[in-house]
C-alpha atoms as a PDB file:
ATOM      1  CA  MET A   1     112.168 -52.981  49.376  1.00  0.00           C
ATOM      2  CA  ASN A   2     109.606 -50.296  48.051  1.00  0.00           C
ATOM      3  CA  TRP A   3     111.151 -48.877  44.789  1.00  0.00           C
ATOM      4  CA  SER A   4     108.564 -46.336  44.328  1.00  0.00           C
ATOM      5  CA  LEU A   5     109.837 -44.595  47.733  1.00  0.00           C
ATOM      6  CA  LEU A   6     113.181 -44.671  46.664  1.00  0.00           C
ATOM      7  CA  LEU A   7     112.464 -43.264  43.143  1.00  0.00           C
ATOM      8  CA  SER A   8     110.546 -40.551  44.922  1.00  0.00           C
ATOM      9  CA  GLY A   9     113.416 -39.715  47.024  1.00  0.00           C
ATOM     10  CA  LEU A  10     115.554 -39.825  44.280  1.00  0.00           C
ATOM     11  CA  ALA A  11     113.384 -37.657  42.132  1.00  0.00           C
ATOM     12  CA  LEU A  12     113.230 -35.138  45.395  1.00  0.00           C
ATOM     13  CA  CYS A  13     117.284 -35.131  45.406  1.00  0.00           C
ATOM     14  CA  VAL A  14     117.036 -34.525  41.610  1.00  0.00           C
ATOM     15  CA  SER A  15     114.791 -31.799  41.706  1.00  0.00           C
ATOM     16  CA  LEU A  16     116.595 -29.867  44.678  1.00  0.00           C
ATOM     17  CA  GLY A  17     119.879 -30.410  43.124  1.00  0.00           C
ATOM     18  CA  THR A  18     118.657 -28.913  40.072  1.00  0.00           C
ATOM     19  CA  VAL A  19     116.932 -25.841  41.937  1.00  0.00           C
ATOM     20  CA  ILE A  20     120.071 -25.021  43.673  1.00  0.00           C
ATOM     21  CA  TYR A  21     122.060 -25.352  40.387  1.00  0.00           C
ATOM     22  CA  VAL A  22     120.017 -22.867  38.819  1.00  0.00           C
ATOM     23  CA  GLN A  23     119.635 -20.424  41.659  1.00  0.00           C
ATOM     24  CA  ARG A  24     123.630 -20.039  41.745  1.00  0.00           C
ATOM     25  CA  ARG A  25     123.636 -20.044  38.343  1.00  0.00           C
ATOM     26  CA  THR A  26     121.126 -17.069  38.244  1.00  0.00           C
ATOM     27  CA  ASP A  27     122.786 -15.310  41.199  1.00  0.00           C
ATOM     28  CA  ARG A  28     125.927 -15.373  39.324  1.00  0.00           C
ATOM     29  CA  ARG A  29     124.710 -14.032  36.146  1.00  0.00           C
ATOM     30  CA  GLU A  30     122.805 -11.418  37.924  1.00  0.00           C
ATOM     31  CA  LEU A  31     126.311 -10.238  39.887  1.00  0.00           C
ATOM     32  CA  THR A  32     128.136 -10.446  36.521  1.00  0.00           C
ATOM     33  CA  LYS A  33     124.993  -8.326  34.501  1.00  0.00           C
ATOM     34  CA  TRP A  34     125.754  -5.615  37.409  1.00  0.00           C
ATOM     35  CA  ARG A  35     129.144  -5.804  37.275  1.00  0.00           C
ATOM     36  CA  ARG A  36     129.137  -5.045  33.705  1.00  0.00           C
ATOM     37  CA  ASP A  37     126.543  -2.183  34.255  1.00  0.00           C
ATOM     38  CA  THR A  38     128.280  -0.636  36.703  1.00  0.00           C
ATOM     39  CA  LEU A  39     132.052  -0.899  34.946  1.00  0.00           C
ATOM     40  CA  MET A  40     130.464   0.793  31.899  1.00  0.00           C
ATOM     41  CA  GLN A  41     128.606   3.502  34.160  1.00  0.00           C
ATOM     42  CA  THR A  42     131.533   4.067  36.143  1.00  0.00           C
ATOM     43  CA  THR A  43     133.690   4.325  32.911  1.00  0.00           C
ATOM     44  CA  ALA A  44     131.248   6.815  31.542  1.00  0.00           C
ATOM     45  CA  ASN A  45     131.485   8.995  34.401  1.00  0.00           C
ATOM     46  CA  LEU A  46     135.408   8.677  34.556  1.00  0.00           C
ATOM     47  CA  LEU A  47     135.548  10.202  30.697  1.00  0.00           C
ATOM     48  CA  GLN A  48     133.440  12.883  31.919  1.00  0.00           C
ATOM     49  CA  ALA A  49     134.922  13.684  34.828  1.00  0.00           C
ATOM     50  CA  VAL A  50     138.468  13.765  32.853  1.00  0.00           C
ATOM     51  CA  SER A  51     136.475  15.911  30.161  1.00  0.00           C
ATOM     52  CA  ASP A  52     135.640  18.295  32.999  1.00  0.00           C
ATOM     53  CA  ILE A  53     138.924  18.408  34.290  1.00  0.00           C
ATOM     54  CA  GLU A  54     140.048  19.403  30.310  1.00  0.00           C
ATOM     55  CA  ASP A  55     137.833  21.981  29.951  1.00  0.00           C
ATOM     56  CA  CYS A  56     138.380  23.738  33.422  1.00  0.00           C
ATOM     57  CA  HIS A  57     142.397  23.932  32.181  1.00  0.00           C
ATOM     58  CA  ARG A  58     141.433  24.743  28.334  1.00  0.00           C
ATOM     59  CA  LYS A  59     139.079  27.570  30.003  1.00  0.00           C
ATOM     60  CA  TYR A  60     141.739  29.050  31.817  1.00  0.00           C
ATOM     61  CA  LEU A  61     145.073  28.206  30.006  1.00  0.00           C
ATOM     62  CA  LEU A  62     143.848  29.558  26.444  1.00  0.00           C
ATOM     63  CA  SER A  63     142.108  32.741  27.821  1.00  0.00           C
ATOM     64  CA  GLU A  64     143.754  35.675  26.091  1.00  0.00           C
ATOM     65  CA  ASP A  65     143.139  37.910  29.017  1.00  0.00           C
ATOM     66  CA  PRO A  66     146.201  37.863  31.341  1.00  0.00           C
ATOM     67  CA  ASN A  67     143.894  39.606  34.469  1.00  0.00           C
ATOM     68  CA  GLU A  68     141.175  37.387  33.747  1.00  0.00           C
ATOM     69  CA  THR A  69     138.845  37.051  36.575  1.00  0.00           C
ATOM     70  CA  TYR A  70     137.836  33.325  35.895  1.00  0.00           C
ATOM     71  CA  GLN A  71     138.657  30.991  39.092  1.00  0.00           C
ATOM     72  CA  ARG A  72     142.031  29.399  38.793  1.00  0.00           C
ATOM     73  CA  PRO A  73     141.951  25.804  37.981  1.00  0.00           C
ATOM     74  CA  TYR A  74     143.181  24.778  41.544  1.00  0.00           C
ATOM     75  CA  ARG A  75     140.518  26.841  43.018  1.00  0.00           C
ATOM     76  CA  ASN A  76     137.453  26.070  40.959  1.00  0.00           C
ATOM     77  CA  GLU A  77     134.927  24.096  42.441  1.00  0.00           C
ATOM     78  CA  GLU A  78     133.696  22.757  39.452  1.00  0.00           C
ATOM     79  CA  LEU A  79     137.471  21.033  39.108  1.00  0.00           C
ATOM     80  CA  LYS A  80     137.143  20.108  42.884  1.00  0.00           C
ATOM     81  CA  THR A  81     133.940  18.320  41.795  1.00  0.00           C
ATOM     82  CA  ALA A  82     135.256  16.607  38.650  1.00  0.00           C
ATOM     83  CA  ILE A  83     138.328  15.307  40.487  1.00  0.00           C
ATOM     84  CA  ASP A  84     135.825  13.650  43.319  1.00  0.00           C
ATOM     85  CA  ARG A  85     133.830  12.159  40.995  1.00  0.00           C
ATOM     86  CA  LEU A  86     137.358  10.662  39.511  1.00  0.00           C
ATOM     87  CA  ILE A  87     138.162   9.488  42.736  1.00  0.00           C
ATOM     88  CA  MET A  88     134.647   7.954  43.409  1.00  0.00           C
ATOM     89  CA  CYS A  89     135.461   6.116  40.170  1.00  0.00           C
ATOM     90  CA  ILE A  90     138.541   4.999  41.577  1.00  0.00           C
ATOM     91  CA  HIS A  91     136.874   3.200  44.784  1.00  0.00           C
ATOM     92  CA  ILE A  92     134.221   1.753  42.623  1.00  0.00           C
ATOM     93  CA  TYR A  93     136.785   0.124  40.165  1.00  0.00           C
ATOM     94  CA  GLU A  94     138.273  -1.367  43.355  1.00  0.00           C
ATOM     95  CA  ILE A  95     134.957  -2.446  44.536  1.00  0.00           C
ATOM     96  CA  CYS A  96     134.435  -4.356  41.180  1.00  0.00           C
ATOM     97  CA  GLU A  97     138.265  -5.805  41.771  1.00  0.00           C
ATOM     98  CA  CYS A  98     138.886  -4.343  38.368  1.00  0.00           C
ATOM     99  CA  ASP A  99     142.379  -3.424  38.823  1.00  0.00           C
ATOM    100  CA  GLU A 100     143.399  -2.258  35.440  1.00  0.00           C
ATOM    101  CA  LEU A 101     140.843   0.091  35.265  1.00  0.00           C
ATOM    102  CA  SER A 102     141.520   1.310  38.611  1.00  0.00           C
ATOM    103  CA  SER A 103     145.241   2.196  37.736  1.00  0.00           C
ATOM    104  CA  ILE A 104     144.202   3.705  34.812  1.00  0.00           C
ATOM    105  CA  ALA A 105     142.046   6.182  36.626  1.00  0.00           C
ATOM    106  CA  ASP A 106     144.698   6.803  39.479  1.00  0.00           C
ATOM    107  CA  GLY A 107     147.114   7.502  36.746  1.00  0.00           C
ATOM    108  CA  TYR A 108     144.520  10.138  35.802  1.00  0.00           C
ATOM    109  CA  ARG A 109     144.274  11.642  39.185  1.00  0.00           C
ATOM    110  CA  GLN A 110     148.030  11.316  39.633  1.00  0.00           C
ATOM    111  CA  ARG A 111     148.360  13.509  36.318  1.00  0.00           C
ATOM    112  CA  GLU A 112     145.844  15.994  37.483  1.00  0.00           C
ATOM    113  CA  ILE A 113     147.663  16.538  40.777  1.00  0.00           C
ATOM    114  CA  SER A 114     150.582  17.355  38.652  1.00  0.00           C
ATOM    115  CA  ASP A 115     149.059  19.477  36.498  1.00  0.00           C
ATOM    116  CA  MET A 116     147.540  21.472  39.317  1.00  0.00           C
ATOM    117  CA  VAL A 117     150.802  21.664  40.564  1.00  0.00           C
ATOM    118  CA  GLN A 118     152.442  23.030  37.296  1.00  0.00           C
ATOM    119  CA  VAL A 119     149.738  25.534  36.936  1.00  0.00           C
ATOM    120  CA  ALA A 120     150.303  27.075  40.514  1.00  0.00           C
ATOM    121  CA  MET A 121     154.081  27.343  39.987  1.00  0.00           C
ATOM    122  CA  MET A 122     153.341  29.051  37.059  1.00  0.00           C
ATOM    123  CA  GLU A 123     150.560  31.711  38.703  1.00  0.00           C
ATOM    124  CA  SER A 124     153.176  31.987  41.629  1.00  0.00           C
ATOM    125  CA  HIS A 125     155.388  33.646  38.990  1.00  0.00           C
ATOM    126  CA  GLN A 126     152.995  35.759  37.464  1.00  0.00           C
ATOM    127  CA  GLU A 127     153.709  39.553  38.417  1.00  0.00           C
ATOM    128  CA  MET A 128     157.452  38.718  37.176  1.00  0.00           C
ATOM    129  CA  TYR A 129     156.304  37.752  33.735  1.00  0.00           C
ATOM    130  CA  ASN A 130     155.613  40.023  31.076  1.00  0.00           C
ATOM    131  CA  PRO A 131     151.732  40.058  29.810  1.00  0.00           C
ATOM    132  CA  ASP A 132     152.479  38.374  26.573  1.00  0.00           C
ATOM    133  CA  LEU A 133     155.019  36.081  27.580  1.00  0.00           C
ATOM    134  CA  PHE A 134     152.420  34.942  30.593  1.00  0.00           C
ATOM    135  CA  LEU A 135     150.077  34.287  27.666  1.00  0.00           C
ATOM    136  CA  LYS A 136     152.188  32.110  25.288  1.00  0.00           C
ATOM    137  CA  ASP A 137     153.553  29.935  28.939  1.00  0.00           C
ATOM    138  CA  LYS A 138     150.035  29.239  29.576  1.00  0.00           C
ATOM    139  CA  ALA A 139     149.356  28.086  25.626  1.00  0.00           C
ATOM    140  CA  ASP A 140     152.702  25.870  26.081  1.00  0.00           C
ATOM    141  CA  LEU A 141     151.422  24.644  29.436  1.00  0.00           C
ATOM    142  CA  PHE A 142     148.015  23.599  27.737  1.00  0.00           C
ATOM    143  CA  ASP A 143     149.628  21.690  25.031  1.00  0.00           C
ATOM    144  CA  GLN A 144     151.859  20.152  27.455  1.00  0.00           C
ATOM    145  CA  ILE A 145     148.930  18.466  30.023  1.00  0.00           C
ATOM    146  CA  LYS A 146     146.235  17.875  27.404  1.00  0.00           C
ATOM    147  CA  SER A 147     145.156  14.240  26.825  1.00  0.00           C
ATOM    148  CA  ASP A 148     147.341  12.006  24.706  1.00  0.00           C
ATOM    149  CA  GLY A 149     144.937   9.133  23.491  1.00  0.00           C
ATOM    150  CA  GLU A 150     144.534   7.501  27.070  1.00  0.00           C
ATOM    151  CA  ARG A 151     141.117   7.139  26.448  1.00  0.00           C
ATOM    152  CA  THR A 152     142.334   3.705  24.102  1.00  0.00           C
ATOM    153  CA  ASP A 153     143.753   2.537  26.945  1.00  0.00           C
ATOM    154  CA  ILE A 154     140.547   2.521  28.931  1.00  0.00           C
ATOM    155  CA  LYS A 155     138.236   1.044  26.250  1.00  0.00           C
ATOM    156  CA  SER A 156     140.892  -1.992  25.933  1.00  0.00           C
ATOM    157  CA  ALA A 157     140.500  -2.194  30.082  1.00  0.00           C
ATOM    158  CA  LEU A 158     137.215  -1.932  29.911  1.00  0.00           C
ATOM    159  CA  GLN A 159     136.360  -4.891  27.261  1.00  0.00           C
ATOM    160  CA  LYS A 160     138.558  -7.355  29.117  1.00  0.00           C
ATOM    161  CA  ALA A 161     136.628  -6.434  32.292  1.00  0.00           C
ATOM    162  CA  ILE A 162     133.198  -7.146  31.057  1.00  0.00           C
ATOM    163  CA  GLY A 163     134.634  -9.996  28.990  1.00  0.00           C
ATOM    164  CA  LEU A 164     134.153  -8.617  25.655  1.00  0.00           C
ATOM    165  CA  LYS A 165     138.025  -9.178  25.467  1.00  0.00           C
ATOM    166  CA  ASN A 166     140.292 -11.926  26.854  1.00  0.00           C
ATOM    167  CA  GLU A 167     143.850 -12.972  26.092  1.00  0.00           C
ATOM    168  CA  ASN A 168     143.201 -15.429  24.056  1.00  0.00           C
ATOM    169  CA  HIS A 169     140.676 -13.560  21.686  1.00  0.00           C
ATOM    170  CA  ILE A 170     141.611 -10.267  20.049  1.00  0.00           C
ATOM    171  CA  SER A 171     138.675  -7.745  19.419  1.00  0.00           C
ATOM    172  CA  LYS A 172     138.063  -6.268  16.180  1.00  0.00           C
ATOM    173  CA  SER A 173     137.973  -2.651  17.100  1.00  0.00           C
END
């Protein structure tokens, strides 16, 4: 039997196996990097959208003019755009199979719908209000709907999703 032929075939198989292993490992690493970058960018977009939504509400609800010309939040194009960005973030989280971030983003969306309904209900009765009472109710509604620390939930979920934090390792934040 020709040992050199056998050893050549074995070397060929080992080198082919090594190439396949390295290629799969590189593909997995690239996919992980893409997912991490996408999740971080999407979370930044989500936080910006939530901030824009809060700004829209803040502009309207903290206005001192009961007859203001500012478009009401539920008719505001800036608000609609921010909500569309928020919904896009939810879809990207679902594509990245990140259920926890998707759930948090959907919670923001549901809260925004609830806030818009509250503003619409308050405005539908504006004619019955004394202007000072209307301004006070707007300010009270603003205090009720402003965000309350949910951003820490996003930070924790993002850290877990990109591998900076897992069940066995408690990250020092």
